[in-house]
Protein backbone atom coordinates (compact mmCIF):
# COMPACT_ATOMS: atom_id res chain seq x y z
CA MET A 1 101.07 98.14 100.82
CA SER A 2 104.56 96.73 101.35
CA ARG A 3 107.62 98.86 100.79
CA THR A 4 109.63 95.99 99.28
CA ALA A 5 109.69 95.00 95.61
CA LEU A 6 107.55 97.95 94.55
CA ARG A 7 106.75 98.57 90.91
CA ILE A 8 107.33 102.29 90.50
CA LEU A 9 106.30 104.37 87.49
CA ILE A 10 107.91 107.74 86.81
CA ILE A 11 105.99 110.16 84.61
CA ASP A 12 108.29 112.94 83.44
CA GLU A 13 108.68 114.69 80.10
CA ASN A 14 112.16 115.89 81.12
CA ARG A 15 114.69 113.06 80.71
CA ILE A 16 117.38 114.70 82.85
CA ARG A 17 115.02 115.22 85.79
CA SER A 18 113.55 111.73 85.47
CA ALA A 19 117.09 110.30 85.58
CA VAL A 20 117.58 112.03 88.96
CA ILE A 21 114.40 110.41 90.33
CA GLU A 22 115.27 107.02 88.89
CA GLU A 23 118.78 107.14 90.36
CA GLY A 24 117.35 108.08 93.76
CA LEU A 25 114.91 105.17 93.60
CA ARG A 26 117.56 102.66 92.52
CA ASP A 27 119.91 103.92 95.27
CA ALA A 28 117.05 103.25 97.70
CA GLY A 29 116.88 99.63 96.50
CA HIS A 30 113.95 99.85 94.10
CA GLY A 31 114.71 97.75 91.04
CA GLU A 32 111.37 97.77 89.23
CA VAL A 33 111.36 101.35 87.94
CA THR A 34 109.78 102.37 84.63
CA THR A 35 109.87 105.86 83.16
CA ILE A 36 107.35 107.32 80.72
CA HIS A 37 108.22 110.58 78.99
CA GLU A 38 104.97 111.03 77.05
CA VAL A 39 101.83 111.89 79.03
CA ALA A 40 99.39 111.20 76.18
CA GLY A 41 97.41 108.02 76.87
CA ILE A 42 98.89 107.78 80.35
CA ALA A 43 95.81 106.25 82.00
CA ARG A 44 95.90 103.29 79.61
CA ARG A 45 99.63 102.78 80.22
CA ILE A 46 99.08 102.82 83.98
CA ALA A 47 96.29 100.23 83.65
CA GLU A 48 98.62 98.01 81.62
CA MET A 49 101.59 98.35 83.99
CA GLU A 50 99.71 98.34 87.32
CA PRO A 51 102.45 100.17 89.26
CA ASP A 52 102.39 100.21 93.06
CA VAL A 53 103.56 103.83 93.25
CA ILE A 54 103.53 106.67 90.72
CA VAL A 55 106.02 109.54 90.73
CA ILE A 56 105.04 112.55 88.64
CA ASP A 57 107.55 115.29 87.93
CA LEU A 58 106.25 118.53 86.43
CA GLU A 59 108.96 121.09 85.86
CA ASN A 60 106.75 124.08 85.11
CA PRO A 61 103.17 122.85 85.28
CA ASN A 62 100.33 124.93 83.90
CA ARG A 63 96.85 124.76 85.36
CA ASP A 64 95.56 122.30 82.71
CA MET A 65 98.49 119.93 83.21
CA LEU A 66 98.00 119.97 86.98
CA GLU A 67 94.27 119.35 86.66
CA SER A 68 94.81 116.40 84.30
CA MET A 69 97.31 114.90 86.77
CA PHE A 70 94.87 115.46 89.65
CA GLN A 71 92.15 113.67 87.66
CA LEU A 72 94.59 110.83 87.09
CA SER A 73 95.23 110.65 90.84
CA ARG A 74 91.51 110.37 91.59
CA ALA A 75 91.15 107.57 89.05
CA VAL A 76 94.14 105.29 89.77
CA LYS A 77 93.84 105.01 93.58
CA ARG A 78 97.54 104.48 94.20
CA PRO A 79 100.18 106.40 96.13
CA ILE A 80 101.29 109.34 93.99
CA ALA A 81 104.27 111.56 94.73
CA MET A 82 104.35 114.76 92.69
CA PHE A 83 107.36 117.02 92.29
CA VAL A 84 106.75 120.54 90.97
CA ASP A 85 109.13 123.50 90.67
CA ARG A 86 106.56 126.09 91.63
CA SER A 87 103.09 126.13 93.06
CA ASP A 88 100.46 128.28 94.71
CA SER A 89 98.05 127.66 97.56
CA ALA A 90 95.17 126.79 95.19
CA SER A 91 97.27 124.10 93.47
CA ILE A 92 98.40 122.67 96.80
CA GLU A 93 94.79 122.53 97.99
CA ALA A 94 93.70 120.90 94.73
CA ALA A 95 96.52 118.32 95.10
CA VAL A 96 95.31 117.39 98.58
CA GLU A 97 91.70 117.10 97.40
CA ALA A 98 92.80 114.94 94.47
CA GLY A 99 94.51 112.51 96.81
CA ILE A 100 98.11 113.25 95.88
CA SER A 101 100.00 111.51 98.68
CA ALA A 102 103.11 113.71 98.54
CA TYR A 103 103.27 117.10 96.83
CA VAL A 104 106.82 118.46 96.84
CA VAL A 105 107.52 122.00 95.68
CA ASP A 106 111.04 122.89 94.54
CA GLY A 107 112.57 119.80 96.13
CA LEU A 108 113.77 117.49 93.37
CA ARG A 109 117.03 116.11 94.71
CA LYS A 110 118.18 112.51 94.49
CA GLU A 111 118.48 112.08 98.26
CA ARG A 112 114.91 113.32 98.81
CA VAL A 113 113.29 110.75 96.54
CA LYS A 114 113.37 107.81 98.99
CA PRO A 115 111.79 109.64 101.98
CA VAL A 116 109.19 111.26 99.72
CA ILE A 117 108.17 107.86 98.30
CA GLU A 118 107.97 106.38 101.81
CA MET A 119 105.85 109.32 102.97
CA ALA A 120 103.57 108.94 99.92
CA ILE A 121 103.01 105.25 100.68
CA SER A 122 102.40 105.90 104.40
CA ARG A 123 99.94 108.71 103.72
CA PHE A 124 98.14 106.68 101.05
CA ASN A 125 97.80 103.72 103.43
CA ALA A 126 96.57 105.99 106.23
CA PHE A 127 93.94 107.63 104.01
CA ALA A 128 92.88 104.25 102.60
CA ARG A 129 92.47 102.90 106.14
CA MET A 130 90.44 105.95 107.16
CA ALA A 131 88.23 105.64 104.07
CA ARG A 132 87.69 101.94 104.80
CA GLU A 133 86.82 102.62 108.43
CA LEU A 134 84.44 105.41 107.40
CA GLU A 135 82.70 103.11 104.92
CA GLU A 136 82.42 100.39 107.56
CA ALA A 137 80.91 102.89 110.01
CA ARG A 138 78.41 104.07 107.39
CA THR A 139 77.45 100.48 106.60
CA GLU A 140 77.03 99.69 110.29
CA LEU A 141 74.88 102.79 110.81
CA GLU A 142 72.71 101.93 107.81
CA SER A 143 72.34 98.33 109.06
CA ARG A 144 71.22 99.55 112.48
CA ARG A 145 68.71 101.91 110.89
CA LEU A 146 67.24 99.06 108.81
CA VAL A 147 67.05 96.72 111.80
CA GLU A 148 65.33 99.40 113.93
CA ARG A 149 62.76 100.04 111.21
CA ALA A 150 62.15 96.32 110.68
CA LYS A 151 61.71 95.80 114.44
CA GLY A 152 59.13 98.59 114.42
CA ILE A 153 57.21 96.89 111.60
CA LEU A 154 57.19 93.55 113.47
CA MET A 155 56.20 95.19 116.75
CA THR A 156 53.25 96.92 115.09
CA SER A 157 52.08 94.12 112.79
CA ARG A 158 52.70 91.13 115.09
CA GLY A 159 52.31 92.76 118.50
CA LEU A 160 55.84 91.74 119.53
CA SER A 161 58.10 93.38 122.08
CA GLU A 162 61.33 94.96 120.84
CA GLN A 163 63.34 91.96 122.10
CA GLU A 164 60.96 89.48 120.45
CA ALA A 165 61.08 91.39 117.17
CA TYR A 166 64.89 91.38 117.20
CA ALA A 167 64.97 87.67 118.14
CA LEU A 168 62.70 86.88 115.18
CA LEU A 169 64.89 88.87 112.78
CA ARG A 170 68.00 87.15 114.15
CA LYS A 171 66.47 83.66 113.95
CA THR A 172 65.31 84.26 110.36
CA ALA A 173 68.76 85.52 109.39
CA MET A 174 70.41 82.44 110.91
CA ASN A 175 67.95 80.06 109.24
CA GLN A 176 68.52 81.67 105.85
CA ASN A 177 72.27 82.15 106.40
CA ARG A 178 71.95 85.87 105.69
CA LYS A 179 72.79 89.06 107.55
CA ILE A 180 70.17 90.57 109.85
CA ALA A 181 70.32 93.80 107.84
CA GLU A 182 69.43 91.87 104.65
CA ILE A 183 66.41 90.29 106.36
CA ALA A 184 65.42 93.71 107.69
CA GLN A 185 65.67 95.22 104.20
CA SER A 186 63.50 92.42 102.76
CA LEU A 187 60.88 92.96 105.46
CA ILE A 188 60.86 96.73 104.90
CA THR A 189 60.50 96.23 101.14
CA ALA A 190 57.64 93.76 101.63
CA ALA A 191 55.90 96.08 104.10
CA ASP A 192 56.23 99.01 101.66
CA LEU A 193 54.74 96.89 98.85
CA LEU A 194 51.83 95.80 101.03
CA ARG A 195 51.19 99.38 102.09
CA GLN A 196 51.19 100.54 98.46
CA GLY A 197 48.78 97.73 97.62
CA ASP A 198 46.44 98.89 100.36
CA GLU A 199 46.56 102.47 99.05
CA THR A 200 45.50 101.54 95.50
C-alpha cells in the first residue's frame, strides 16, 4: 500500500479531537480526509467510501464500544490506527488480536498523527505479507501431500517407480494445462470412488 494519495477516514464522535487528527493529517500532506462523527452504520459507510486507512478515536471507550471497533477491524482488512485515552492490558491484547495496526493510549497530539499512520500502514503491510506467505506455504504443503498420495496410488495400481509415477502426473498436468496438485486431487478422488464401489 502506497503512502501517497491515501484516502483516510476518521471515525470520531468528538469534533474537537477529530479536528486535531485531521489537521495532523493535512499537515502531513494527506488531502483526501473524511471524518464521520456517527458510528451507527459505520460498516456500510466504510464499504461505500473504501478508505485506504482508518483512524478511530475513542475518548473514553467502554468495553462494548471497543469490541464493536475490534469487530470492524477484523471485517475491513485495512490499516487501522486507534487512539484511546485509557486502556488496560486486556484491551491492548484484544486490539492486537483484532488486527489493529496502531493502538495509541493517551497520545492524541497533532504531531503524532503522521508517524502513527505510517506505523499503522507499515505494520498492516507486514502482517498482510506474513499472512500471504503463510497461506502460500500451507498451499504448497497441501499440494505436496496430494502429489505424494497420488504417486502412491499410481505406484500400487500401475506398478510404477516413484519417479515414473511423478513423471506421469507431470505429463498429464502439462497435457491438460493444469497444476500437478489438481491432477493428483482428481486421481485421489477417482481412487476413493473406485474403492467405495468395491466395498459395496
